[in-house]
Amino acid sequence: MALGTTLTQFLIEEQRKYPGASGEFTSLLAGITTAGKVISREVNKAGLIDILGYKGKKNIHGEDVQKLDDFANAIFIQTLCHTGHLAGIASEEMDDIYHIPKDAPKGKYVFLMDPLDGSSNIDVNISIGSIFSIYRRESEGNKATMNDFLQPGRKLVGAGYLIYGSSTMLVYTTGHGVHGFTLDPGIGEFLLSHEAIQTPKQGKTYSINEAYQMIWQENIAAYVDLARRQNKTARYVGSLVADFHRNLLKGGIFLYPADQKNPEGKLRLLYEAAPLAFIVEQAGGRASTGRTRLLDIVPKKIHHRVPLIIGSTEDVLLAEKCISGSPD
């Protein structure tokens, strides 16, 4: 499809490829982009209004919650809960499932999100983003159950992210390729800018927080040393969406491994790791814990944590060999 095609037209054309499509998913994605536009507007004027800084409380993970975190979480819920396409919502910012109100129509999907990833970077104007994923619910009845959310990533029907940087972009997949759209603020529309994204098989960069080197497991240190000897360049923003987006387009590997403080990993499977794994695999890349394919992991709880090794296939395979103790 021609670059510059509006997201609306693109979705309509994609829907026509599947005669049995009901249009529900298309409508749901339209709601997600509406929420993204509102959040983008607030992010872009964050330095001008009283929205920067901490809200004075911590989320379930013990992290400081910022004002814009709460705002983004609320906007997604307000925008999506009355669409009639969802049975429930889970968020990194909420302790439990959000059930669609009794007076609202219910749908066949559940929605999961990290409403504002990298929000600690807001005050210094570094790119941040929203990560989302969508599952078809497994239960019946008027109310979503926990099992609707505790599904492995290979059962995802859609995933994506919005990145708020020098421009606002939407990148998403429904399991049929990965496509990127850039927001034109002049007309308020997302326009096709990156069709059928394919990530390079090997990259020139690696992304890991080297401040944690003292608590890395020995096999991670071995991989980083190998990457340096291969003349790979360190590129680490500290915003998962920003690091992932760069590596998706240009090639490279992102690592947030288990360490001595977090032996089970730090990132959330349902809100961060699984949706990004679904995207990268659709773009020809690879994602694992270093030992297990991420999309095969069945979450035990909605805030299940995992290590994350993700990016260009050859780079991830080499990291996995180092982690298993056989880099040669």
C-alpha atoms as a PDB file:
ATOM      1  CA  MET A   1       0.000   0.000   0.000  1.00  0.00           C
ATOM      2  CA  ALA A   2       1.227   3.520  -0.746  1.00  0.00           C
ATOM      3  CA  LEU A   3       3.175   5.346   1.934  1.00  0.00           C
ATOM      4  CA  GLY A   4       1.034   8.114   3.367  1.00  0.00           C
ATOM      5  CA  THR A   5      -2.104   5.950   3.385  1.00  0.00           C
ATOM      6  CA  THR A   6      -4.189   6.766   6.441  1.00  0.00           C
ATOM      7  CA  LEU A   7      -4.471   4.168   9.182  1.00  0.00           C
ATOM      8  CA  THR A   8      -8.245   4.126   8.696  1.00  0.00           C
ATOM      9  CA  GLN A   9      -7.931   3.277   4.994  1.00  0.00           C
ATOM     10  CA  PHE A  10      -5.194   0.732   5.703  1.00  0.00           C
ATOM     11  CA  LEU A  11      -7.338  -1.077   8.268  1.00  0.00           C
ATOM     12  CA  ILE A  12     -10.327  -1.146   5.927  1.00  0.00           C
ATOM     13  CA  GLU A  13      -8.219  -2.618   3.122  1.00  0.00           C
ATOM     14  CA  GLU A  14      -6.699  -5.195   5.488  1.00  0.00           C
ATOM     15  CA  GLN A  15     -10.138  -6.166   6.760  1.00  0.00           C
ATOM     16  CA  ARG A  16     -11.327  -6.800   3.192  1.00  0.00           C
ATOM     17  CA  LYS A  17      -8.678  -9.520   2.856  1.00  0.00           C
ATOM     18  CA  TYR A  18     -10.595 -11.583   5.411  1.00  0.00           C
ATOM     19  CA  PRO A  19     -14.251 -11.948   4.305  1.00  0.00           C
ATOM     20  CA  GLY A  20     -15.320 -13.324   7.685  1.00  0.00           C
ATOM     21  CA  ALA A  21     -13.918 -10.368   9.639  1.00  0.00           C
ATOM     22  CA  SER A  22     -16.481  -8.646  11.849  1.00  0.00           C
ATOM     23  CA  GLY A  23     -14.697  -5.292  12.038  1.00  0.00           C
ATOM     24  CA  GLU A  24     -14.497  -5.471  15.827  1.00  0.00           C
ATOM     25  CA  PHE A  25     -10.720  -5.614  15.935  1.00  0.00           C
ATOM     26  CA  THR A  26     -10.479  -2.712  13.471  1.00  0.00           C
ATOM     27  CA  SER A  27     -12.763  -0.653  15.682  1.00  0.00           C
ATOM     28  CA  LEU A  28     -10.768  -1.583  18.788  1.00  0.00           C
ATOM     29  CA  LEU A  29      -7.501  -0.512  17.171  1.00  0.00           C
ATOM     30  CA  ALA A  30      -9.122   2.781  16.204  1.00  0.00           C
ATOM     31  CA  GLY A  31      -9.948   3.326  19.884  1.00  0.00           C
ATOM     32  CA  ILE A  32      -6.358   2.568  20.877  1.00  0.00           C
ATOM     33  CA  THR A  33      -5.047   5.184  18.444  1.00  0.00           C
ATOM     34  CA  THR A  34      -7.522   7.746  19.777  1.00  0.00           C
ATOM     35  CA  ALA A  35      -6.150   7.214  23.282  1.00  0.00           C
ATOM     36  CA  GLY A  36      -2.629   7.454  21.854  1.00  0.00           C
ATOM     37  CA  LYS A  37      -3.360  10.830  20.286  1.00  0.00           C
ATOM     38  CA  VAL A  38      -4.606  12.201  23.601  1.00  0.00           C
ATOM     39  CA  ILE A  39      -1.553  10.892  25.474  1.00  0.00           C
ATOM     40  CA  SER A  40       0.770  12.232  22.769  1.00  0.00           C
ATOM     41  CA  ARG A  41      -0.771  15.669  23.167  1.00  0.00           C
ATOM     42  CA  GLU A  42      -0.210  15.612  26.914  1.00  0.00           C
ATOM     43  CA  VAL A  43       3.342  14.305  26.592  1.00  0.00           C
ATOM     44  CA  ASN A  44       4.204  17.070  24.126  1.00  0.00           C
ATOM     45  CA  LYS A  45       3.025  19.803  26.467  1.00  0.00           C
ATOM     46  CA  ALA A  46       4.156  18.121  29.679  1.00  0.00           C
ATOM     47  CA  GLY A  47       6.691  20.833  30.399  1.00  0.00           C
ATOM     48  CA  LEU A  48       4.028  23.538  30.168  1.00  0.00           C
ATOM     49  CA  ILE A  49       1.470  22.253  32.647  1.00  0.00           C
ATOM     50  CA  ASP A  50       1.417  20.692  36.087  1.00  0.00           C
ATOM     51  CA  ILE A  51       1.717  17.110  34.883  1.00  0.00           C
ATOM     52  CA  LEU A  52       5.422  16.443  35.301  1.00  0.00           C
ATOM     53  CA  GLY A  53       6.867  14.765  38.349  1.00  0.00           C
ATOM     54  CA  TYR A  54       5.762  12.132  40.815  1.00  0.00           C
ATOM     55  CA  LYS A  55       2.245  11.646  42.054  1.00  0.00           C
ATOM     56  CA  GLY A  56       3.407  10.772  45.542  1.00  0.00           C
ATOM     57  CA  LYS A  57       2.493   7.084  45.596  1.00  0.00           C
ATOM     58  CA  LYS A  58       3.918   3.764  44.439  1.00  0.00           C
ATOM     59  CA  ASN A  59       2.429   1.129  42.159  1.00  0.00           C
ATOM     60  CA  ILE A  60       2.213  -2.600  42.886  1.00  0.00           C
ATOM     61  CA  HIS A  61       5.885  -3.007  41.925  1.00  0.00           C
ATOM     62  CA  GLY A  62       7.082  -0.426  44.462  1.00  0.00           C
ATOM     63  CA  GLU A  63       7.871   2.124  41.756  1.00  0.00           C
ATOM     64  CA  ASP A  64       6.995   5.804  41.964  1.00  0.00           C
ATOM     65  CA  VAL A  65       3.847   6.541  39.979  1.00  0.00           C
ATOM     66  CA  GLN A  66       4.003   9.725  37.950  1.00  0.00           C
ATOM     67  CA  LYS A  67       1.040  11.920  37.140  1.00  0.00           C
ATOM     68  CA  LEU A  68       1.215  11.061  33.456  1.00  0.00           C
ATOM     69  CA  ASP A  69       1.237   7.309  34.259  1.00  0.00           C
ATOM     70  CA  ASP A  70      -2.145   7.637  35.920  1.00  0.00           C
ATOM     71  CA  PHE A  71      -3.415   9.895  33.147  1.00  0.00           C
ATOM     72  CA  ALA A  72      -2.414   7.445  30.389  1.00  0.00           C
ATOM     73  CA  ASN A  73      -3.927   4.514  32.287  1.00  0.00           C
ATOM     74  CA  ALA A  74      -7.204   6.366  32.743  1.00  0.00           C
ATOM     75  CA  ILE A  75      -7.368   7.518  29.113  1.00  0.00           C
ATOM     76  CA  PHE A  76      -7.026   3.998  27.754  1.00  0.00           C
ATOM     77  CA  ILE A  77      -9.726   2.729  30.100  1.00  0.00           C
ATOM     78  CA  GLN A  78     -12.111   5.610  29.387  1.00  0.00           C
ATOM     79  CA  THR A  79     -11.619   5.287  25.646  1.00  0.00           C
ATOM     80  CA  LEU A  80     -11.913   1.518  25.380  1.00  0.00           C
ATOM     81  CA  CYS A  81     -14.249   0.287  28.100  1.00  0.00           C
ATOM     82  CA  HIS A  82     -17.461   1.372  26.343  1.00  0.00           C
ATOM     83  CA  THR A  83     -16.538   0.208  22.832  1.00  0.00           C
ATOM     84  CA  GLY A  84     -18.352  -3.085  23.291  1.00  0.00           C
ATOM     85  CA  HIS A  85     -15.286  -5.035  22.151  1.00  0.00           C
ATOM     86  CA  LEU A  86     -13.685  -5.819  25.526  1.00  0.00           C
ATOM     87  CA  ALA A  87     -14.532  -8.027  28.477  1.00  0.00           C
ATOM     88  CA  GLY A  88     -11.759  -6.702  30.713  1.00  0.00           C
ATOM     89  CA  ILE A  89      -8.527  -4.720  30.969  1.00  0.00           C
ATOM     90  CA  ALA A  90      -5.267  -5.406  32.806  1.00  0.00           C
ATOM     91  CA  SER A  91      -2.566  -2.801  33.322  1.00  0.00           C
ATOM     92  CA  GLU A  92       0.904  -2.606  34.782  1.00  0.00           C
ATOM     93  CA  GLU A  93      -0.428   0.246  36.910  1.00  0.00           C
ATOM     94  CA  MET A  94      -3.312  -1.715  38.464  1.00  0.00           C
ATOM     95  CA  ASP A  95      -3.218  -4.451  41.092  1.00  0.00           C
ATOM     96  CA  ASP A  96      -6.077  -6.439  39.600  1.00  0.00           C
ATOM     97  CA  ILE A  97      -8.262  -6.815  36.525  1.00  0.00           C
ATOM     98  CA  TYR A  98     -10.490  -3.922  35.509  1.00  0.00           C
ATOM     99  CA  HIS A  99     -13.925  -5.304  34.674  1.00  0.00           C
ATOM    100  CA  ILE A 100     -16.034  -3.537  32.071  1.00  0.00           C
ATOM    101  CA  PRO A 101     -18.933  -1.726  33.821  1.00  0.00           C
ATOM    102  CA  LYS A 102     -22.194  -3.610  34.112  1.00  0.00           C
ATOM    103  CA  ASP A 103     -24.073  -1.081  31.981  1.00  0.00           C
ATOM    104  CA  ALA A 104     -21.559  -1.318  29.102  1.00  0.00           C
ATOM    105  CA  PRO A 105     -21.667  -3.933  26.325  1.00  0.00           C
ATOM    106  CA  LYS A 106     -19.086  -6.704  26.576  1.00  0.00           C
ATOM    107  CA  GLY A 107     -16.899  -8.075  23.808  1.00  0.00           C
ATOM    108  CA  LYS A 108     -14.766 -11.090  22.979  1.00  0.00           C
ATOM    109  CA  TYR A 109     -11.335  -9.572  23.678  1.00  0.00           C
ATOM    110  CA  VAL A 110      -9.253  -8.610  26.693  1.00  0.00           C
ATOM    111  CA  PHE A 111      -6.769  -5.740  26.586  1.00  0.00           C
ATOM    112  CA  LEU A 112      -3.458  -5.537  28.438  1.00  0.00           C
ATOM    113  CA  MET A 113      -1.140  -2.543  28.624  1.00  0.00           C
ATOM    114  CA  ASP A 114       1.844  -0.742  29.974  1.00  0.00           C
ATOM    115  CA  PRO A 115       0.160   2.656  29.590  1.00  0.00           C
ATOM    116  CA  LEU A 116       3.357   4.706  29.766  1.00  0.00           C
ATOM    117  CA  ASP A 117       6.639   2.835  29.555  1.00  0.00           C
ATOM    118  CA  GLY A 118       9.771   4.817  30.410  1.00  0.00           C
ATOM    119  CA  SER A 119       7.873   7.558  32.211  1.00  0.00           C
ATOM    120  CA  SER A 120      10.865   8.336  34.441  1.00  0.00           C
ATOM    121  CA  ASN A 121      12.363   9.901  31.302  1.00  0.00           C
ATOM    122  CA  ILE A 122       9.540  12.428  30.880  1.00  0.00           C
ATOM    123  CA  ASP A 123      11.321  15.214  32.702  1.00  0.00           C
ATOM    124  CA  VAL A 124      14.382  14.987  30.433  1.00  0.00           C
ATOM    125  CA  ASN A 125      12.451  14.767  27.142  1.00  0.00           C
ATOM    126  CA  ILE A 126      13.496  11.226  26.160  1.00  0.00           C
ATOM    127  CA  SER A 127      11.149   9.121  24.041  1.00  0.00           C
ATOM    128  CA  ILE A 128       8.586   7.110  25.990  1.00  0.00           C
ATOM    129  CA  GLY A 129       5.727   4.897  24.874  1.00  0.00           C
ATOM    130  CA  SER A 130       2.638   2.788  25.443  1.00  0.00           C
ATOM    131  CA  ILE A 131       2.720  -1.000  24.928  1.00  0.00           C
ATOM    132  CA  PHE A 132      -0.464  -3.009  24.411  1.00  0.00           C
ATOM    133  CA  SER A 133      -1.640  -6.504  23.602  1.00  0.00           C
ATOM    134  CA  ILE A 134      -4.953  -8.157  22.836  1.00  0.00           C
ATOM    135  CA  TYR A 135      -6.168 -11.717  23.483  1.00  0.00           C
ATOM    136  CA  ARG A 136      -9.408 -13.364  22.515  1.00  0.00           C
ATOM    137  CA  ARG A 137     -11.120 -14.271  25.766  1.00  0.00           C
ATOM    138  CA  GLU A 138     -11.453 -17.967  26.620  1.00  0.00           C
ATOM    139  CA  SER A 139     -14.299 -17.747  29.106  1.00  0.00           C
ATOM    140  CA  GLU A 140     -17.967 -17.241  28.452  1.00  0.00           C
ATOM    141  CA  GLY A 141     -20.456 -15.188  30.356  1.00  0.00           C
ATOM    142  CA  ASN A 142     -20.739 -11.529  31.198  1.00  0.00           C
ATOM    143  CA  LYS A 143     -17.485 -11.138  33.106  1.00  0.00           C
ATOM    144  CA  ALA A 144     -13.870 -11.780  32.171  1.00  0.00           C
ATOM    145  CA  THR A 145     -11.936 -14.275  34.271  1.00  0.00           C
ATOM    146  CA  MET A 146      -8.266 -14.397  35.232  1.00  0.00           C
ATOM    147  CA  ASN A 147      -7.726 -17.213  32.728  1.00  0.00           C
ATOM    148  CA  ASP A 148      -8.644 -14.823  29.917  1.00  0.00           C
ATOM    149  CA  PHE A 149      -5.495 -12.860  30.741  1.00  0.00           C
ATOM    150  CA  LEU A 150      -3.135 -15.681  31.717  1.00  0.00           C
ATOM    151  CA  GLN A 151      -2.523 -16.858  28.160  1.00  0.00           C
ATOM    152  CA  PRO A 152       0.832 -17.464  26.458  1.00  0.00           C
ATOM    153  CA  GLY A 153       1.971 -14.891  23.937  1.00  0.00           C
ATOM    154  CA  ARG A 154       1.549 -17.307  21.026  1.00  0.00           C
ATOM    155  CA  LYS A 155      -2.218 -16.850  21.493  1.00  0.00           C
ATOM    156  CA  LEU A 156      -2.081 -13.092  20.975  1.00  0.00           C
ATOM    157  CA  VAL A 157      -4.364 -11.742  18.258  1.00  0.00           C
ATOM    158  CA  GLY A 158      -2.737  -8.327  18.237  1.00  0.00           C
ATOM    159  CA  ALA A 159       0.018  -6.286  19.857  1.00  0.00           C
ATOM    160  CA  GLY A 160       1.713  -2.968  19.346  1.00  0.00           C
ATOM    161  CA  TYR A 161       3.160   0.156  20.838  1.00  0.00           C
ATOM    162  CA  LEU A 162       2.959   3.899  20.502  1.00  0.00           C
ATOM    163  CA  ILE A 163       6.211   5.812  20.791  1.00  0.00           C
ATOM    164  CA  TYR A 164       6.123   9.484  21.747  1.00  0.00           C
ATOM    165  CA  GLY A 165       9.326  11.079  20.509  1.00  0.00           C
ATOM    166  CA  SER A 166      10.326  13.584  17.844  1.00  0.00           C
ATOM    167  CA  SER A 167       7.209  12.215  16.164  1.00  0.00           C
ATOM    168  CA  THR A 168       4.479   9.936  17.472  1.00  0.00           C
ATOM    169  CA  MET A 169       4.379   6.501  15.877  1.00  0.00           C
ATOM    170  CA  LEU A 170       2.119   3.484  16.094  1.00  0.00           C
ATOM    171  CA  VAL A 171       3.675   0.095  15.357  1.00  0.00           C
ATOM    172  CA  TYR A 172       1.377  -2.932  15.445  1.00  0.00           C
ATOM    173  CA  THR A 173       0.817  -6.477  14.244  1.00  0.00           C
ATOM    174  CA  THR A 174      -2.149  -8.818  14.064  1.00  0.00           C
ATOM    175  CA  GLY A 175       0.044 -11.772  13.155  1.00  0.00           C
ATOM    176  CA  HIS A 176       0.290 -10.782   9.490  1.00  0.00           C
ATOM    177  CA  GLY A 177       3.377  -8.579   9.403  1.00  0.00           C
ATOM    178  CA  VAL A 178       4.372  -5.456  11.293  1.00  0.00           C
ATOM    179  CA  HIS A 179       3.368  -1.994  10.134  1.00  0.00           C
ATOM    180  CA  GLY A 180       4.300   1.477  11.343  1.00  0.00           C
ATOM    181  CA  PHE A 181       2.285   4.686  11.144  1.00  0.00           C
ATOM    182  CA  THR A 182       3.419   8.214  11.976  1.00  0.00           C
ATOM    183  CA  LEU A 183       1.008  10.796  13.387  1.00  0.00           C
ATOM    184  CA  ASP A 184       0.577  13.903  11.245  1.00  0.00           C
ATOM    185  CA  PRO A 185      -0.458  16.480  13.859  1.00  0.00           C
ATOM    186  CA  GLY A 186      -1.695  18.825  11.141  1.00  0.00           C
ATOM    187  CA  ILE A 187      -4.556  16.510  10.179  1.00  0.00           C
ATOM    188  CA  GLY A 188      -4.676  14.373  13.315  1.00  0.00           C
ATOM    189  CA  GLU A 189      -4.210  11.143  11.364  1.00  0.00           C
ATOM    190  CA  PHE A 190      -1.724   8.290  11.531  1.00  0.00           C
ATOM    191  CA  LEU A 191      -0.156   7.811   8.082  1.00  0.00           C
ATOM    192  CA  LEU A 192       1.594   4.690   6.818  1.00  0.00           C
ATOM    193  CA  SER A 193       5.340   5.295   7.072  1.00  0.00           C
ATOM    194  CA  HIS A 194       6.806   1.786   7.534  1.00  0.00           C
ATOM    195  CA  GLU A 195       5.016  -1.057   5.748  1.00  0.00           C
ATOM    196  CA  ALA A 196       5.872  -4.710   6.377  1.00  0.00           C
ATOM    197  CA  ILE A 197       8.792  -3.995   8.720  1.00  0.00           C
ATOM    198  CA  GLN A 198      11.563  -6.596   8.656  1.00  0.00           C
ATOM    199  CA  THR A 199      14.260  -6.313  11.283  1.00  0.00           C
ATOM    200  CA  PRO A 200      17.843  -7.048  10.121  1.00  0.00           C
ATOM    201  CA  LYS A 201      19.081 -10.561  10.868  1.00  0.00           C
ATOM    202  CA  GLN A 202      22.066  -9.095  12.690  1.00  0.00           C
ATOM    203  CA  GLY A 203      22.712  -5.672  14.164  1.00  0.00           C
ATOM    204  CA  LYS A 204      25.656  -3.514  15.102  1.00  0.00           C
ATOM    205  CA  THR A 205      24.425  -2.493  18.550  1.00  0.00           C
ATOM    206  CA  TYR A 206      23.620  -4.047  21.897  1.00  0.00           C
ATOM    207  CA  SER A 207      21.392  -2.470  24.557  1.00  0.00           C
ATOM    208  CA  ILE A 208      21.824  -3.336  28.221  1.00  0.00           C
ATOM    209  CA  ASN A 209      22.111  -1.349  31.442  1.00  0.00           C
ATOM    210  CA  GLU A 210      25.815  -1.755  32.186  1.00  0.00           C
ATOM    211  CA  ALA A 211      25.398  -0.068  35.560  1.00  0.00           C
ATOM    212  CA  TYR A 212      24.185  -3.490  36.766  1.00  0.00           C
ATOM    213  CA  GLN A 213      27.357  -5.262  35.649  1.00  0.00           C
ATOM    214  CA  MET A 214      28.363  -6.061  39.233  1.00  0.00           C
ATOM    215  CA  ILE A 215      25.220  -8.172  39.729  1.00  0.00           C
ATOM    216  CA  TRP A 216      25.089  -9.809  36.301  1.00  0.00           C
ATOM    217  CA  GLN A 217      25.286 -13.537  36.045  1.00  0.00           C
ATOM    218  CA  GLU A 218      28.563 -14.723  34.563  1.00  0.00           C
ATOM    219  CA  ASN A 219      27.033 -15.839  31.255  1.00  0.00           C
ATOM    220  CA  ILE A 220      25.590 -12.366  30.591  1.00  0.00           C
ATOM    221  CA  ALA A 221      28.973 -10.788  31.174  1.00  0.00           C
ATOM    222  CA  ALA A 222      30.428 -13.303  28.710  1.00  0.00           C
ATOM    223  CA  TYR A 223      27.959 -12.248  26.014  1.00  0.00           C
ATOM    224  CA  VAL A 224      28.571  -8.527  26.522  1.00  0.00           C
ATOM    225  CA  ASP A 225      32.316  -9.132  26.338  1.00  0.00           C
ATOM    226  CA  LEU A 226      31.809 -11.060  23.101  1.00  0.00           C
ATOM    227  CA  ALA A 227      29.634  -8.280  21.673  1.00  0.00           C
ATOM    228  CA  ARG A 228      32.359  -5.739  22.403  1.00  0.00           C
ATOM    229  CA  ARG A 229      34.975  -7.949  20.723  1.00  0.00           C
ATOM    230  CA  GLN A 230      32.694  -8.067  17.676  1.00  0.00           C
ATOM    231  CA  ASN A 231      32.871  -4.249  17.640  1.00  0.00           C
ATOM    232  CA  LYS A 232      29.208  -3.846  18.510  1.00  0.00           C
ATOM    233  CA  THR A 233      28.327  -0.423  19.886  1.00  0.00           C
ATOM    234  CA  ALA A 234      26.468   0.086  23.164  1.00  0.00           C
ATOM    235  CA  ARG A 235      23.192   1.970  22.744  1.00  0.00           C
ATOM    236  CA  TYR A 236      20.977   2.168  25.837  1.00  0.00           C
ATOM    237  CA  VAL A 237      18.320   4.830  26.360  1.00  0.00           C
ATOM    238  CA  GLY A 238      16.665   3.363  29.445  1.00  0.00           C
ATOM    239  CA  SER A 239      13.225   3.504  27.822  1.00  0.00           C
ATOM    240  CA  LEU A 240      12.249   0.014  26.649  1.00  0.00           C
ATOM    241  CA  VAL A 241      10.047   1.236  23.803  1.00  0.00           C
ATOM    242  CA  ALA A 242      12.755   3.578  22.518  1.00  0.00           C
ATOM    243  CA  ASP A 243      15.489   0.933  22.653  1.00  0.00           C
ATOM    244  CA  PHE A 244      13.262  -1.723  21.096  1.00  0.00           C
ATOM    245  CA  HIS A 245      12.045   0.596  18.325  1.00  0.00           C
ATOM    246  CA  ARG A 246      15.572   1.547  17.301  1.00  0.00           C
ATOM    247  CA  ASN A 247      16.706  -2.073  17.214  1.00  0.00           C
ATOM    248  CA  LEU A 248      13.574  -3.200  15.352  1.00  0.00           C
ATOM    249  CA  LEU A 249      14.303  -0.793  12.505  1.00  0.00           C
ATOM    250  CA  LYS A 250      18.108  -0.874  12.464  1.00  0.00           C
ATOM    251  CA  GLY A 251      18.969  -4.236  13.978  1.00  0.00           C
ATOM    252  CA  GLY A 252      20.492  -5.063  17.335  1.00  0.00           C
ATOM    253  CA  ILE A 253      19.744  -6.773  20.609  1.00  0.00           C
ATOM    254  CA  PHE A 254      18.146  -5.611  23.854  1.00  0.00           C
ATOM    255  CA  LEU A 255      18.887  -7.460  27.083  1.00  0.00           C
ATOM    256  CA  TYR A 256      17.221  -7.119  30.468  1.00  0.00           C
ATOM    257  CA  PRO A 257      18.499 -10.348  32.000  1.00  0.00           C
ATOM    258  CA  ALA A 258      17.947 -12.007  35.326  1.00  0.00           C
ATOM    259  CA  ASP A 259      20.559 -10.960  37.878  1.00  0.00           C
ATOM    260  CA  GLN A 260      21.445 -11.473  41.518  1.00  0.00           C
ATOM    261  CA  LYS A 261      18.736  -9.058  42.692  1.00  0.00           C
ATOM    262  CA  ASN A 262      16.078 -10.260  40.258  1.00  0.00           C
ATOM    263  CA  PRO A 263      16.706 -13.976  39.630  1.00  0.00           C
ATOM    264  CA  GLU A 264      13.307 -14.331  37.927  1.00  0.00           C
ATOM    265  CA  GLY A 265      13.781 -11.236  35.781  1.00  0.00           C
ATOM    266  CA  LYS A 266      12.434  -7.706  36.101  1.00  0.00           C
ATOM    267  CA  LEU A 267      10.202  -6.974  33.104  1.00  0.00           C
ATOM    268  CA  ARG A 268       6.514  -7.929  33.022  1.00  0.00           C
ATOM    269  CA  LEU A 269       5.612 -10.776  30.695  1.00  0.00           C
ATOM    270  CA  LEU A 270       2.084  -9.660  29.870  1.00  0.00           C
ATOM    271  CA  TYR A 271       2.618  -5.923  29.543  1.00  0.00           C
ATOM    272  CA  GLU A 272       6.095  -5.680  28.027  1.00  0.00           C
ATOM    273  CA  ALA A 273       7.872  -8.905  27.058  1.00  0.00           C
ATOM    274  CA  ALA A 274       5.113 -10.896  25.308  1.00  0.00           C
ATOM    275  CA  PRO A 275       3.720  -8.096  23.115  1.00  0.00           C
ATOM    276  CA  LEU A 276       7.197  -7.011  22.006  1.00  0.00           C
ATOM    277  CA  ALA A 277       8.136 -10.657  21.372  1.00  0.00           C
ATOM    278  CA  PHE A 278       5.051 -11.061  19.176  1.00  0.00           C
ATOM    279  CA  ILE A 279       6.031  -7.959  17.212  1.00  0.00           C
ATOM    280  CA  VAL A 280       9.682  -8.878  16.764  1.00  0.00           C
ATOM    281  CA  GLU A 281       8.903 -12.430  15.627  1.00  0.00           C
ATOM    282  CA  GLN A 282       6.455 -11.075  13.059  1.00  0.00           C
ATOM    283  CA  ALA A 283       9.286  -8.834  11.832  1.00  0.00           C
ATOM    284  CA  GLY A 284      11.692 -11.775  11.493  1.00  0.00           C
ATOM    285  CA  GLY A 285      13.449 -11.385  14.842  1.00  0.00           C
ATOM    286  CA  ARG A 286      13.654 -13.488  17.974  1.00  0.00           C
ATOM    287  CA  ALA A 287      12.747 -13.161  21.646  1.00  0.00           C
ATOM    288  CA  SER A 288      13.480 -15.373  24.647  1.00  0.00           C
ATOM    289  CA  THR A 289      14.423 -15.407  28.291  1.00  0.00           C
ATOM    290  CA  GLY A 290      17.808 -16.663  27.130  1.00  0.00           C
ATOM    291  CA  ARG A 291      16.613 -20.232  27.579  1.00  0.00           C
ATOM    292  CA  THR A 292      12.902 -20.283  26.691  1.00  0.00           C
ATOM    293  CA  ARG A 293      10.909 -18.771  23.824  1.00  0.00           C
ATOM    294  CA  LEU A 294       8.924 -15.927  25.366  1.00  0.00           C
ATOM    295  CA  LEU A 295       5.745 -16.604  23.419  1.00  0.00           C
ATOM    296  CA  ASP A 296       5.547 -20.123  24.906  1.00  0.00           C
ATOM    297  CA  ILE A 297       5.580 -19.034  28.557  1.00  0.00           C
ATOM    298  CA  VAL A 298       2.256 -19.436  30.350  1.00  0.00           C
ATOM    299  CA  PRO A 299       1.978 -16.612  32.907  1.00  0.00           C
ATOM    300  CA  LYS A 300       1.232 -17.603  36.487  1.00  0.00           C
ATOM    301  CA  LYS A 301      -0.132 -14.193  37.472  1.00  0.00           C
ATOM    302  CA  ILE A 302      -0.928 -10.925  35.722  1.00  0.00           C
ATOM    303  CA  HIS A 303       2.301  -9.345  37.012  1.00  0.00           C
ATOM    304  CA  HIS A 304       4.525 -12.295  36.101  1.00  0.00           C
ATOM    305  CA  ARG A 305       8.154 -11.187  35.538  1.00  0.00           C
ATOM    306  CA  VAL A 306      10.700 -12.602  33.103  1.00  0.00           C
ATOM    307  CA  PRO A 307      14.185 -11.920  31.716  1.00  0.00           C
ATOM    308  CA  LEU A 308      14.079 -10.414  28.220  1.00  0.00           C
ATOM    309  CA  ILE A 309      16.529 -11.054  25.365  1.00  0.00           C
ATOM    310  CA  ILE A 310      15.068  -9.620  22.142  1.00  0.00           C
ATOM    311  CA  GLY A 311      16.081  -8.346  18.740  1.00  0.00           C
ATOM    312  CA  SER A 312      17.868  -9.529  15.604  1.00  0.00           C
ATOM    313  CA  THR A 313      17.755 -13.324  15.254  1.00  0.00           C
ATOM    314  CA  GLU A 314      21.480 -13.984  14.931  1.00  0.00           C
ATOM    315  CA  ASP A 315      22.303 -11.719  17.877  1.00  0.00           C
ATOM    316  CA  VAL A 316      19.713 -13.347  20.128  1.00  0.00           C
ATOM    317  CA  LEU A 317      20.838 -16.840  19.135  1.00  0.00           C
ATOM    318  CA  LEU A 318      24.417 -15.957  20.056  1.00  0.00           C
ATOM    319  CA  ALA A 319      23.288 -14.542  23.410  1.00  0.00           C
ATOM    320  CA  GLU A 320      21.340 -17.748  24.074  1.00  0.00           C
ATOM    321  CA  LYS A 321      24.459 -19.806  23.353  1.00  0.00           C
ATOM    322  CA  CYS A 322      26.447 -17.725  25.820  1.00  0.00           C
ATOM    323  CA  ILE A 323      23.740 -18.105  28.450  1.00  0.00           C
ATOM    324  CA  SER A 324      23.725 -21.878  27.938  1.00  0.00           C
ATOM    325  CA  GLY A 325      27.504 -21.881  28.235  1.00  0.00           C
ATOM    326  CA  SER A 326      28.314 -22.797  24.611  1.00  0.00           C
ATOM    327  CA  PRO A 327      29.089 -19.630  22.598  1.00  0.00           C
ATOM    328  CA  ASP A 328      31.195 -21.437  20.000  1.00  0.00           C
END
